[in-house]
């Protein structure tokens, strides 16, 4: 029955004129490897066909809970194109309006000069007051003075182009946060840092170096405290990438996720069998 539905969906999509970019991507996914579709993509295909493509939260939905206005879906409140946030990542702020995350929590961020980006994955939990400190906080250290002369170009008759202004600072690059990361109260993440999937950043930690997946760090500067799981479990979670599953599959798996039943999670993906099963469409 499922194969028939997928075949029907494929024909409907292929014959549609004026397809959107997302629909073109869906068609590519369905026909990848010839006239076949990978089993792990079936849910997305059928959701599209039934008009129930709810993999991502609606753009209008800001609050995960109707009873709580201190927590927001970050993806739907951030407007800066240099800040990328994945689905279902939340920020909670009991001091300021959480919708002002971009202004209050992403600091010294001048991408027009430094071209630096903040990337945050899916299903992250960011606590009140967490800060992301970008490159404009790093005064140039190879100068005889740390004074920001290039920034005050009008005062000192200096070049006005963005490349010259950017010489004010030492650039360390982007900030990248993986999926399912928990960032604690008033933690600080510095420019150039990458935080792996499943990591935990302790309250008021100052993260100056990369954090491996599923590692708990804390302190000033932040240092590893311990791994959340053994290496085998971390590798299995990295292969599963449950946060990339469609919404319905995640809903069916919440009990296993919450109770640490990784065997049950692996049963929900064919990747764990070491082969890819394909359905004809």
C-alpha atoms as a PDB file:
ATOM      1  CA  UNK A   1       0.000   0.000   0.000  1.00  0.00           C
ATOM      2  CA  UNK A   2       2.767   2.421   0.895  1.00  0.00           C
ATOM      3  CA  UNK A   3       4.587   1.691  -2.371  1.00  0.00           C
ATOM      4  CA  UNK A   4       1.424   2.507  -4.326  1.00  0.00           C
ATOM      5  CA  UNK A   5       0.988   5.804  -2.484  1.00  0.00           C
ATOM      6  CA  UNK A   6       4.600   6.755  -3.118  1.00  0.00           C
ATOM      7  CA  UNK A   7       4.284   5.864  -6.797  1.00  0.00           C
ATOM      8  CA  UNK A   8       1.165   8.031  -7.063  1.00  0.00           C
ATOM      9  CA  UNK A   9       2.869  10.889  -5.231  1.00  0.00           C
ATOM     10  CA  UNK A  10       5.879  10.671  -7.529  1.00  0.00           C
ATOM     11  CA  UNK A  11       3.759  10.849 -10.666  1.00  0.00           C
ATOM     12  CA  UNK A  12       1.777  13.790  -9.284  1.00  0.00           C
ATOM     13  CA  UNK A  13       4.906  15.733  -8.433  1.00  0.00           C
ATOM     14  CA  UNK A  14       6.669  14.942 -11.709  1.00  0.00           C
ATOM     15  CA  UNK A  15       3.718  16.169 -13.743  1.00  0.00           C
ATOM     16  CA  UNK A  16       3.197  19.363 -11.774  1.00  0.00           C
ATOM     17  CA  UNK A  17       4.090  22.578 -13.578  1.00  0.00           C
ATOM     18  CA  UNK A  18       5.676  25.508 -11.765  1.00  0.00           C
ATOM     19  CA  UNK A  19       7.189  23.400  -9.006  1.00  0.00           C
ATOM     20  CA  UNK A  20       8.769  25.259  -6.105  1.00  0.00           C
ATOM     21  CA  UNK A  21      12.435  24.768  -5.209  1.00  0.00           C
ATOM     22  CA  UNK A  22      11.388  22.589  -2.273  1.00  0.00           C
ATOM     23  CA  UNK A  23       9.230  20.437  -4.556  1.00  0.00           C
ATOM     24  CA  UNK A  24      12.134  20.061  -7.005  1.00  0.00           C
ATOM     25  CA  UNK A  25      14.279  18.890  -4.100  1.00  0.00           C
ATOM     26  CA  UNK A  26      11.557  16.426  -3.132  1.00  0.00           C
ATOM     27  CA  UNK A  27      11.401  15.063  -6.688  1.00  0.00           C
ATOM     28  CA  UNK A  28      15.200  14.673  -6.742  1.00  0.00           C
ATOM     29  CA  UNK A  29      15.018  12.802  -3.471  1.00  0.00           C
ATOM     30  CA  UNK A  30      12.281  10.500  -4.740  1.00  0.00           C
ATOM     31  CA  UNK A  31      14.086   9.595  -7.947  1.00  0.00           C
ATOM     32  CA  UNK A  32      17.567   9.327  -6.467  1.00  0.00           C
ATOM     33  CA  UNK A  33      19.204   6.219  -7.870  1.00  0.00           C
ATOM     34  CA  UNK A  34      16.715   5.770 -10.697  1.00  0.00           C
ATOM     35  CA  UNK A  35      12.991   5.179 -10.308  1.00  0.00           C
ATOM     36  CA  UNK A  36      13.313   4.390  -6.639  1.00  0.00           C
ATOM     37  CA  UNK A  37      12.926   6.109  -3.314  1.00  0.00           C
ATOM     38  CA  UNK A  38      14.864   5.398  -0.161  1.00  0.00           C
ATOM     39  CA  UNK A  39      12.808   4.005   2.702  1.00  0.00           C
ATOM     40  CA  UNK A  40      14.020   6.665   5.132  1.00  0.00           C
ATOM     41  CA  UNK A  41      12.486   9.328   2.857  1.00  0.00           C
ATOM     42  CA  UNK A  42       9.042   7.761   2.591  1.00  0.00           C
ATOM     43  CA  UNK A  43       7.522   9.798   5.419  1.00  0.00           C
ATOM     44  CA  UNK A  44       8.606  13.081   3.856  1.00  0.00           C
ATOM     45  CA  UNK A  45       7.307  12.020   0.432  1.00  0.00           C
ATOM     46  CA  UNK A  46       3.922  10.960   1.732  1.00  0.00           C
ATOM     47  CA  UNK A  47       3.613  14.063   3.933  1.00  0.00           C
ATOM     48  CA  UNK A  48       4.157  16.217   0.857  1.00  0.00           C
ATOM     49  CA  UNK A  49       1.566  14.257  -1.144  1.00  0.00           C
ATOM     50  CA  UNK A  50      -1.054  14.487   1.617  1.00  0.00           C
ATOM     51  CA  UNK A  51      -0.354  18.163   2.228  1.00  0.00           C
ATOM     52  CA  UNK A  52       0.914  17.420   5.714  1.00  0.00           C
ATOM     53  CA  UNK A  53       4.525  18.453   5.346  1.00  0.00           C
ATOM     54  CA  UNK A  54       5.037  19.527   8.945  1.00  0.00           C
ATOM     55  CA  UNK A  55       8.725  18.690   9.282  1.00  0.00           C
ATOM     56  CA  UNK A  56       9.405  22.303  10.196  1.00  0.00           C
ATOM     57  CA  UNK A  57       7.454  24.409  12.629  1.00  0.00           C
ATOM     58  CA  UNK A  58       5.129  26.981  11.015  1.00  0.00           C
ATOM     59  CA  UNK A  59       6.713  30.403  10.555  1.00  0.00           C
ATOM     60  CA  UNK A  60       3.939  32.023  12.607  1.00  0.00           C
ATOM     61  CA  UNK A  61       4.530  29.831  15.679  1.00  0.00           C
ATOM     62  CA  UNK A  62       6.775  31.620  18.162  1.00  0.00           C
ATOM     63  CA  UNK A  63       5.950  29.987  21.491  1.00  0.00           C
ATOM     64  CA  UNK A  64       6.263  26.203  22.060  1.00  0.00           C
ATOM     65  CA  UNK A  65       3.796  26.468  24.938  1.00  0.00           C
ATOM     66  CA  UNK A  66       0.610  28.532  25.018  1.00  0.00           C
ATOM     67  CA  UNK A  67       1.084  28.980  28.773  1.00  0.00           C
ATOM     68  CA  UNK A  68       4.660  30.235  28.675  1.00  0.00           C
ATOM     69  CA  UNK A  69       5.855  33.445  27.054  1.00  0.00           C
ATOM     70  CA  UNK A  70       9.458  33.318  28.259  1.00  0.00           C
ATOM     71  CA  UNK A  71      10.387  30.572  25.796  1.00  0.00           C
ATOM     72  CA  UNK A  72      10.487  30.976  22.007  1.00  0.00           C
ATOM     73  CA  UNK A  73      11.375  29.020  18.923  1.00  0.00           C
ATOM     74  CA  UNK A  74      14.514  30.915  17.918  1.00  0.00           C
ATOM     75  CA  UNK A  75      14.170  30.171  14.232  1.00  0.00           C
ATOM     76  CA  UNK A  76      10.958  32.176  14.096  1.00  0.00           C
ATOM     77  CA  UNK A  77      12.197  35.294  15.894  1.00  0.00           C
ATOM     78  CA  UNK A  78      15.653  35.733  14.347  1.00  0.00           C
ATOM     79  CA  UNK A  79      15.752  37.880  11.220  1.00  0.00           C
ATOM     80  CA  UNK A  80      19.488  38.361  10.635  1.00  0.00           C
ATOM     81  CA  UNK A  81      20.542  36.258   7.608  1.00  0.00           C
ATOM     82  CA  UNK A  82      23.913  35.685   9.269  1.00  0.00           C
ATOM     83  CA  UNK A  83      22.195  33.805  12.117  1.00  0.00           C
ATOM     84  CA  UNK A  84      20.945  30.332  11.212  1.00  0.00           C
ATOM     85  CA  UNK A  85      18.845  28.336  13.664  1.00  0.00           C
ATOM     86  CA  UNK A  86      17.431  24.833  13.248  1.00  0.00           C
ATOM     87  CA  UNK A  87      13.911  23.629  13.915  1.00  0.00           C
ATOM     88  CA  UNK A  88      12.616  23.332  17.481  1.00  0.00           C
ATOM     89  CA  UNK A  89      15.603  25.040  19.087  1.00  0.00           C
ATOM     90  CA  UNK A  90      14.348  27.133  22.008  1.00  0.00           C
ATOM     91  CA  UNK A  91      15.581  30.086  24.014  1.00  0.00           C
ATOM     92  CA  UNK A  92      14.210  30.938  27.462  1.00  0.00           C
ATOM     93  CA  UNK A  93      14.593  34.376  29.047  1.00  0.00           C
ATOM     94  CA  UNK A  94      12.884  35.376  32.298  1.00  0.00           C
ATOM     95  CA  UNK A  95      14.651  38.768  32.400  1.00  0.00           C
ATOM     96  CA  UNK A  96      14.185  40.195  28.900  1.00  0.00           C
ATOM     97  CA  UNK A  97      11.785  39.518  26.070  1.00  0.00           C
ATOM     98  CA  UNK A  98      13.155  36.312  24.482  1.00  0.00           C
ATOM     99  CA  UNK A  99      12.152  37.638  21.072  1.00  0.00           C
ATOM    100  CA  UNK A 100      15.041  40.110  21.403  1.00  0.00           C
ATOM    101  CA  UNK A 101      17.622  37.308  21.392  1.00  0.00           C
ATOM    102  CA  UNK A 102      19.319  38.722  18.320  1.00  0.00           C
ATOM    103  CA  UNK A 103      19.930  42.079  20.005  1.00  0.00           C
ATOM    104  CA  UNK A 104      20.614  40.949  23.587  1.00  0.00           C
ATOM    105  CA  UNK A 105      22.489  37.698  23.145  1.00  0.00           C
ATOM    106  CA  UNK A 106      24.442  37.873  19.874  1.00  0.00           C
ATOM    107  CA  UNK A 107      27.034  40.541  20.628  1.00  0.00           C
ATOM    108  CA  UNK A 108      29.841  42.305  18.746  1.00  0.00           C
ATOM    109  CA  UNK A 109      28.445  40.785  15.574  1.00  0.00           C
ATOM    110  CA  UNK A 110      29.191  42.950  12.521  1.00  0.00           C
ATOM    111  CA  UNK A 111      28.903  40.535   9.602  1.00  0.00           C
ATOM    112  CA  UNK A 112      28.954  43.390   7.100  1.00  0.00           C
ATOM    113  CA  UNK A 113      32.646  43.725   7.979  1.00  0.00           C
ATOM    114  CA  UNK A 114      33.660  40.333   9.359  1.00  0.00           C
ATOM    115  CA  UNK A 115      31.284  38.029   7.472  1.00  0.00           C
ATOM    116  CA  UNK A 116      30.955  35.907  10.595  1.00  0.00           C
ATOM    117  CA  UNK A 117      27.963  33.670  11.194  1.00  0.00           C
ATOM    118  CA  UNK A 118      26.155  32.027  14.086  1.00  0.00           C
ATOM    119  CA  UNK A 119      24.887  28.545  13.259  1.00  0.00           C
ATOM    120  CA  UNK A 120      22.724  26.645  15.744  1.00  0.00           C
ATOM    121  CA  UNK A 121      21.307  23.192  15.023  1.00  0.00           C
ATOM    122  CA  UNK A 122      18.001  21.549  15.835  1.00  0.00           C
ATOM    123  CA  UNK A 123      16.487  20.769  19.235  1.00  0.00           C
ATOM    124  CA  UNK A 124      18.936  22.924  21.202  1.00  0.00           C
ATOM    125  CA  UNK A 125      18.016  24.373  24.602  1.00  0.00           C
ATOM    126  CA  UNK A 126      19.511  27.779  25.366  1.00  0.00           C
ATOM    127  CA  UNK A 127      19.077  29.174  28.862  1.00  0.00           C
ATOM    128  CA  UNK A 128      18.496  32.752  29.941  1.00  0.00           C
ATOM    129  CA  UNK A 129      21.385  35.148  29.421  1.00  0.00           C
ATOM    130  CA  UNK A 130      23.567  32.905  27.271  1.00  0.00           C
ATOM    131  CA  UNK A 131      25.793  35.064  25.071  1.00  0.00           C
ATOM    132  CA  UNK A 132      27.532  34.563  21.747  1.00  0.00           C
ATOM    133  CA  UNK A 133      30.519  36.922  21.535  1.00  0.00           C
ATOM    134  CA  UNK A 134      31.747  37.590  18.013  1.00  0.00           C
ATOM    135  CA  UNK A 135      34.909  38.863  16.399  1.00  0.00           C
ATOM    136  CA  UNK A 136      34.353  42.576  16.926  1.00  0.00           C
ATOM    137  CA  UNK A 137      35.077  41.932  20.611  1.00  0.00           C
ATOM    138  CA  UNK A 138      38.628  40.834  19.742  1.00  0.00           C
ATOM    139  CA  UNK A 139      40.756  43.974  19.492  1.00  0.00           C
ATOM    140  CA  UNK A 140      43.756  43.394  17.212  1.00  0.00           C
ATOM    141  CA  UNK A 141      46.716  42.093  19.199  1.00  0.00           C
ATOM    142  CA  UNK A 142      49.443  42.508  16.584  1.00  0.00           C
ATOM    143  CA  UNK A 143      49.273  46.301  16.923  1.00  0.00           C
ATOM    144  CA  UNK A 144      51.338  48.358  19.344  1.00  0.00           C
ATOM    145  CA  UNK A 145      48.001  49.594  20.681  1.00  0.00           C
ATOM    146  CA  UNK A 146      44.714  47.820  21.261  1.00  0.00           C
ATOM    147  CA  UNK A 147      42.865  51.061  20.508  1.00  0.00           C
ATOM    148  CA  UNK A 148      40.442  50.598  17.619  1.00  0.00           C
ATOM    149  CA  UNK A 149      41.754  53.308  15.254  1.00  0.00           C
ATOM    150  CA  UNK A 150      40.287  51.801  12.035  1.00  0.00           C
ATOM    151  CA  UNK A 151      36.814  51.799  13.568  1.00  0.00           C
ATOM    152  CA  UNK A 152      36.942  55.571  14.072  1.00  0.00           C
ATOM    153  CA  UNK A 153      37.944  56.287  10.485  1.00  0.00           C
ATOM    154  CA  UNK A 154      36.266  59.699  10.424  1.00  0.00           C
ATOM    155  CA  UNK A 155      38.241  60.934  13.396  1.00  0.00           C
ATOM    156  CA  UNK A 156      41.594  59.791  11.991  1.00  0.00           C
ATOM    157  CA  UNK A 157      41.059  60.136   8.222  1.00  0.00           C
ATOM    158  CA  UNK A 158      41.458  56.408   7.660  1.00  0.00           C
ATOM    159  CA  UNK A 159      40.029  54.209   4.854  1.00  0.00           C
ATOM    160  CA  UNK A 160      36.284  53.682   4.993  1.00  0.00           C
ATOM    161  CA  UNK A 161      35.932  50.342   3.195  1.00  0.00           C
ATOM    162  CA  UNK A 162      34.740  47.379   5.235  1.00  0.00           C
ATOM    163  CA  UNK A 163      37.961  45.400   4.768  1.00  0.00           C
ATOM    164  CA  UNK A 164      39.978  48.222   6.315  1.00  0.00           C
ATOM    165  CA  UNK A 165      37.526  48.623   9.174  1.00  0.00           C
ATOM    166  CA  UNK A 166      37.717  44.873   9.856  1.00  0.00           C
ATOM    167  CA  UNK A 167      41.434  45.283  10.593  1.00  0.00           C
ATOM    168  CA  UNK A 168      40.257  46.656  13.943  1.00  0.00           C
ATOM    169  CA  UNK A 169      39.743  43.105  15.143  1.00  0.00           C
ATOM    170  CA  UNK A 170      41.343  39.674  15.157  1.00  0.00           C
ATOM    171  CA  UNK A 171      38.907  37.364  13.390  1.00  0.00           C
ATOM    172  CA  UNK A 172      38.533  33.847  14.732  1.00  0.00           C
ATOM    173  CA  UNK A 173      35.640  32.799  12.509  1.00  0.00           C
ATOM    174  CA  UNK A 174      32.085  31.627  13.016  1.00  0.00           C
ATOM    175  CA  UNK A 175      30.320  30.099  15.997  1.00  0.00           C
ATOM    176  CA  UNK A 176      28.760  26.716  15.254  1.00  0.00           C
ATOM    177  CA  UNK A 177      26.475  24.870  17.661  1.00  0.00           C
ATOM    178  CA  UNK A 178      25.413  21.318  16.821  1.00  0.00           C
ATOM    179  CA  UNK A 179      22.082  19.607  17.423  1.00  0.00           C
ATOM    180  CA  UNK A 180      20.538  18.704  20.783  1.00  0.00           C
ATOM    181  CA  UNK A 181      22.948  20.994  22.642  1.00  0.00           C
ATOM    182  CA  UNK A 182      22.052  22.413  26.072  1.00  0.00           C
ATOM    183  CA  UNK A 183      23.631  25.787  26.863  1.00  0.00           C
ATOM    184  CA  UNK A 184      23.283  26.776  30.510  1.00  0.00           C
ATOM    185  CA  UNK A 185      22.392  30.016  32.261  1.00  0.00           C
ATOM    186  CA  UNK A 186      24.609  32.981  31.295  1.00  0.00           C
ATOM    187  CA  UNK A 187      27.145  30.805  29.493  1.00  0.00           C
ATOM    188  CA  UNK A 188      29.428  32.631  27.048  1.00  0.00           C
ATOM    189  CA  UNK A 189      30.479  31.198  23.692  1.00  0.00           C
ATOM    190  CA  UNK A 190      33.378  32.965  21.961  1.00  0.00           C
ATOM    191  CA  UNK A 191      34.011  33.436  18.242  1.00  0.00           C
ATOM    192  CA  UNK A 192      35.612  30.525  16.426  1.00  0.00           C
ATOM    193  CA  UNK A 193      34.118  27.855  18.686  1.00  0.00           C
ATOM    194  CA  UNK A 194      32.348  24.734  17.423  1.00  0.00           C
ATOM    195  CA  UNK A 195      30.146  22.811  19.848  1.00  0.00           C
ATOM    196  CA  UNK A 196      29.376  19.210  18.911  1.00  0.00           C
ATOM    197  CA  UNK A 197      26.007  17.462  18.929  1.00  0.00           C
ATOM    198  CA  UNK A 198      24.605  16.563  22.326  1.00  0.00           C
ATOM    199  CA  UNK A 199      27.077  18.674  24.314  1.00  0.00           C
ATOM    200  CA  UNK A 200      26.180  20.447  27.562  1.00  0.00           C
ATOM    201  CA  UNK A 201      27.621  23.860  28.461  1.00  0.00           C
ATOM    202  CA  UNK A 202      27.523  24.562  32.187  1.00  0.00           C
ATOM    203  CA  UNK A 203      26.043  27.683  33.747  1.00  0.00           C
ATOM    204  CA  UNK A 204      28.323  30.742  33.344  1.00  0.00           C
ATOM    205  CA  UNK A 205      30.967  28.739  31.529  1.00  0.00           C
ATOM    206  CA  UNK A 206      33.181  30.686  29.126  1.00  0.00           C
ATOM    207  CA  UNK A 207      33.767  28.497  26.086  1.00  0.00           C
ATOM    208  CA  UNK A 208      37.010  29.398  24.323  1.00  0.00           C
ATOM    209  CA  UNK A 209      37.724  26.082  22.564  1.00  0.00           C
ATOM    210  CA  UNK A 210      35.785  23.509  20.582  1.00  0.00           C
ATOM    211  CA  UNK A 211      33.582  21.097  22.542  1.00  0.00           C
ATOM    212  CA  UNK A 212      33.387  17.487  21.294  1.00  0.00           C
ATOM    213  CA  UNK A 213      29.993  15.811  20.857  1.00  0.00           C
ATOM    214  CA  UNK A 214      28.220  14.658  24.022  1.00  0.00           C
ATOM    215  CA  UNK A 215      30.763  16.328  26.289  1.00  0.00           C
ATOM    216  CA  UNK A 216      29.873  18.298  29.423  1.00  0.00           C
ATOM    217  CA  UNK A 217      32.049  21.382  29.986  1.00  0.00           C
ATOM    218  CA  UNK A 218      32.099  24.048  32.668  1.00  0.00           C
ATOM    219  CA  UNK A 219      34.226  26.732  34.251  1.00  0.00           C
ATOM    220  CA  UNK A 220      36.271  29.743  33.183  1.00  0.00           C
ATOM    221  CA  UNK A 221      37.694  28.917  30.769  1.00  0.00           C
ATOM    222  CA  UNK A 222      35.412  25.954  30.124  1.00  0.00           C
ATOM    223  CA  UNK A 223      37.047  22.547  30.458  1.00  0.00           C
ATOM    224  CA  UNK A 224      35.684  19.034  29.921  1.00  0.00           C
ATOM    225  CA  UNK A 225      34.022  17.534  32.991  1.00  0.00           C
ATOM    226  CA  UNK A 226      32.990  14.191  31.513  1.00  0.00           C
ATOM    227  CA  UNK A 227      31.380  12.492  28.545  1.00  0.00           C
ATOM    228  CA  UNK A 228      27.639  11.970  28.723  1.00  0.00           C
ATOM    229  CA  UNK A 229      27.895   8.432  27.308  1.00  0.00           C
ATOM    230  CA  UNK A 230      30.512   5.854  26.409  1.00  0.00           C
ATOM    231  CA  UNK A 231      32.172   6.119  22.997  1.00  0.00           C
ATOM    232  CA  UNK A 232      30.095   3.325  21.481  1.00  0.00           C
ATOM    233  CA  UNK A 233      26.827   5.027  22.442  1.00  0.00           C
ATOM    234  CA  UNK A 234      28.082   8.391  21.157  1.00  0.00           C
ATOM    235  CA  UNK A 235      28.940   6.777  17.819  1.00  0.00           C
ATOM    236  CA  UNK A 236      25.505   5.141  17.615  1.00  0.00           C
ATOM    237  CA  UNK A 237      23.761   8.438  18.351  1.00  0.00           C
ATOM    238  CA  UNK A 238      25.906  10.174  15.754  1.00  0.00           C
ATOM    239  CA  UNK A 239      24.836   7.592  13.178  1.00  0.00           C
ATOM    240  CA  UNK A 240      21.157   7.825  14.132  1.00  0.00           C
ATOM    241  CA  UNK A 241      20.869  11.634  13.986  1.00  0.00           C
ATOM    242  CA  UNK A 242      17.310  11.384  15.318  1.00  0.00           C
ATOM    243  CA  UNK A 243      16.933  15.175  15.168  1.00  0.00           C
ATOM    244  CA  UNK A 244      16.857  14.934  11.367  1.00  0.00           C
ATOM    245  CA  UNK A 245      13.873  12.577  11.398  1.00  0.00           C
ATOM    246  CA  UNK A 246      10.453  13.855  10.350  1.00  0.00           C
ATOM    247  CA  UNK A 247       8.087  15.081  13.023  1.00  0.00           C
ATOM    248  CA  UNK A 248       5.873  11.995  13.111  1.00  0.00           C
ATOM    249  CA  UNK A 249       8.805   9.641  13.470  1.00  0.00           C
ATOM    250  CA  UNK A 250      10.179  11.739  16.342  1.00  0.00           C
ATOM    251  CA  UNK A 251       6.762  11.767  18.026  1.00  0.00           C
ATOM    252  CA  UNK A 252       6.648   7.981  17.897  1.00  0.00           C
ATOM    253  CA  UNK A 253      10.190   7.839  19.316  1.00  0.00           C
ATOM    254  CA  UNK A 254       9.905  10.319  22.203  1.00  0.00           C
ATOM    255  CA  UNK A 255       9.483   7.616  24.826  1.00  0.00           C
ATOM    256  CA  UNK A 256      12.623   5.820  23.635  1.00  0.00           C
ATOM    257  CA  UNK A 257      14.562   9.099  23.462  1.00  0.00           C
ATOM    258  CA  UNK A 258      13.527  10.174  26.949  1.00  0.00           C
ATOM    259  CA  UNK A 259      14.282   6.810  28.553  1.00  0.00           C
ATOM    260  CA  UNK A 260      17.602   6.225  26.809  1.00  0.00           C
ATOM    261  CA  UNK A 261      16.441   3.231  24.767  1.00  0.00           C
ATOM    262  CA  UNK A 262      18.869   3.502  21.865  1.00  0.00           C
ATOM    263  CA  UNK A 263      18.064  -0.032  20.702  1.00  0.00           C
ATOM    264  CA  UNK A 264      14.470   1.029  20.083  1.00  0.00           C
ATOM    265  CA  UNK A 265      15.658   4.090  18.183  1.00  0.00           C
ATOM    266  CA  UNK A 266      17.866   1.997  15.948  1.00  0.00           C
ATOM    267  CA  UNK A 267      14.909  -0.188  15.074  1.00  0.00           C
ATOM    268  CA  UNK A 268      13.261   2.894  13.600  1.00  0.00           C
ATOM    269  CA  UNK A 269      15.934   3.379  10.987  1.00  0.00           C
ATOM    270  CA  UNK A 270      17.119   0.903   8.389  1.00  0.00           C
ATOM    271  CA  UNK A 271      20.626   2.359   8.502  1.00  0.00           C
ATOM    272  CA  UNK A 272      21.424   0.221  11.559  1.00  0.00           C
ATOM    273  CA  UNK A 273      21.102  -2.946   9.428  1.00  0.00           C
ATOM    274  CA  UNK A 274      24.075  -1.936   7.285  1.00  0.00           C
ATOM    275  CA  UNK A 275      22.074  -1.739   4.048  1.00  0.00           C
ATOM    276  CA  UNK A 276      19.645   0.577   2.308  1.00  0.00           C
ATOM    277  CA  UNK A 277      16.290  -0.957   1.386  1.00  0.00           C
ATOM    278  CA  UNK A 278      14.572   0.631  -1.586  1.00  0.00           C
ATOM    279  CA  UNK A 279      11.004   0.727  -2.796  1.00  0.00           C
ATOM    280  CA  UNK A 280      10.065   0.933  -6.430  1.00  0.00           C
ATOM    281  CA  UNK A 281       7.877   3.878  -7.427  1.00  0.00           C
END
